[in-house]
Amino acid sequence: MLPEEVYKRRPRHNNTPESVTLIIANFVVVSIGVTLFADRNHVHWFFWVVIGLLALYNAFTIRRNREDYNKVTTIVYVASVAVLVAAFFLFKNQG
């Protein structure tokens, strides 16, 4: 039988921080969105709808988990957004 402390230490049985989950979700959504809705000459309007919805999701997730975002986590999040912008131009020029 496992002691009760094991269940208190691991709520929901995952230890991945919400900030890491948010960054991974951003990369997945942007890479799929660019692949489906952007090519070298044109970006479909639905891509911008997807990016807008992703921005809303980011705002609500950061607001809900504000206590998890310290200075280091905020810098990592901003850097990941900068990498996403660079990935957009890289993926767009590949297609």
Protein backbone atom coordinates (compact mmCIF):
# COMPACT_ATOMS: atom_id res chain seq x y z
CA MET A 1 0.00 0.00 0.00
CA LEU A 2 1.34 3.43 -0.96
CA PRO A 3 1.57 6.19 1.63
CA GLU A 4 -0.82 9.13 1.30
CA GLU A 5 2.08 11.58 0.69
CA VAL A 6 2.67 10.11 -2.77
CA TYR A 7 -0.73 11.31 -3.96
CA LYS A 8 -0.34 14.72 -2.37
CA ARG A 9 3.06 15.22 -3.99
CA ARG A 10 1.85 14.42 -7.51
CA PRO A 11 -1.50 16.03 -8.19
CA ARG A 12 -3.07 14.82 -11.44
CA HIS A 13 -0.04 12.50 -11.77
CA ASN A 14 1.93 14.77 -14.05
CA ASN A 15 4.75 17.05 -13.12
CA THR A 16 4.97 19.05 -16.34
CA PRO A 17 4.60 22.76 -15.57
CA GLU A 18 1.73 24.56 -17.26
CA SER A 19 4.18 26.96 -18.92
CA VAL A 20 5.97 24.10 -20.71
CA THR A 21 2.63 22.63 -21.80
CA LEU A 22 1.62 26.04 -23.16
CA ILE A 23 4.86 26.44 -25.11
CA ILE A 24 4.52 22.96 -26.62
CA ALA A 25 0.90 23.66 -27.57
CA ASN A 26 1.97 26.93 -29.23
CA PHE A 27 4.59 25.19 -31.35
CA VAL A 28 2.20 22.42 -32.40
CA VAL A 29 -0.62 24.80 -33.35
CA VAL A 30 1.62 27.24 -35.24
CA SER A 31 3.48 24.54 -37.16
CA ILE A 32 0.25 22.80 -38.18
CA GLY A 33 -1.35 26.15 -39.04
CA VAL A 34 1.55 27.25 -41.22
CA THR A 35 1.67 23.87 -42.95
CA LEU A 36 -2.04 23.92 -43.76
CA PHE A 37 -2.81 27.60 -44.38
CA ALA A 38 0.35 29.32 -45.64
CA ASP A 39 2.51 29.01 -48.69
CA ARG A 40 5.24 31.11 -50.25
CA ASN A 41 2.90 33.65 -51.86
CA HIS A 42 -0.22 33.70 -49.71
CA VAL A 43 -1.34 33.29 -46.11
CA HIS A 44 -4.97 32.20 -45.85
CA TRP A 45 -7.23 34.32 -43.63
CA PHE A 46 -8.09 31.30 -41.48
CA PHE A 47 -4.46 31.13 -40.32
CA TRP A 48 -4.89 34.52 -38.67
CA VAL A 49 -8.09 33.29 -37.00
CA VAL A 50 -6.14 30.32 -35.61
CA ILE A 51 -3.37 32.62 -34.36
CA GLY A 52 -5.94 34.92 -32.74
CA LEU A 53 -7.59 32.02 -30.94
CA LEU A 54 -4.17 30.79 -29.84
CA ALA A 55 -3.42 34.26 -28.44
CA LEU A 56 -6.68 34.19 -26.47
CA TYR A 57 -5.85 30.72 -25.16
CA ASN A 58 -2.40 31.97 -24.11
CA ALA A 59 -3.85 35.00 -22.33
CA PHE A 60 -6.37 32.94 -20.36
CA THR A 61 -3.84 30.23 -19.51
CA ILE A 62 -1.26 32.74 -18.29
CA ARG A 63 -3.92 34.57 -16.30
CA ARG A 64 -5.15 31.32 -14.71
CA ASN A 65 -1.59 30.20 -13.79
CA ARG A 66 -0.08 33.60 -12.99
CA GLU A 67 1.69 32.32 -9.85
CA ASP A 68 3.74 29.90 -11.98
CA TYR A 69 5.22 32.67 -14.14
CA ASN A 70 8.28 34.08 -12.45
CA LYS A 71 10.99 36.12 -14.21
CA VAL A 72 12.78 33.12 -15.75
CA THR A 73 9.59 31.47 -16.98
CA THR A 74 8.41 34.75 -18.51
CA ILE A 75 11.72 35.19 -20.36
CA VAL A 76 11.51 31.63 -21.69
CA TYR A 77 7.91 32.21 -22.84
CA VAL A 78 8.82 35.45 -24.66
CA ALA A 79 11.82 33.74 -26.28
CA SER A 80 9.57 30.90 -27.45
CA VAL A 81 7.20 33.43 -29.05
CA ALA A 82 10.19 34.98 -30.86
CA VAL A 83 11.20 31.52 -32.10
CA LEU A 84 7.61 30.96 -33.29
CA VAL A 85 7.76 34.15 -35.37
CA ALA A 86 11.04 32.97 -36.92
CA ALA A 87 9.53 29.52 -37.53
CA PHE A 88 6.58 31.13 -39.29
CA PHE A 89 8.87 32.80 -41.82
CA LEU A 90 10.99 29.67 -42.17
CA PHE A 91 8.01 27.39 -42.79
CA LYS A 92 6.32 29.93 -45.05
CA ASN A 93 9.36 30.20 -47.29
CA GLN A 94 9.80 26.42 -47.43
CA GLY A 95 6.39 25.83 -49.04
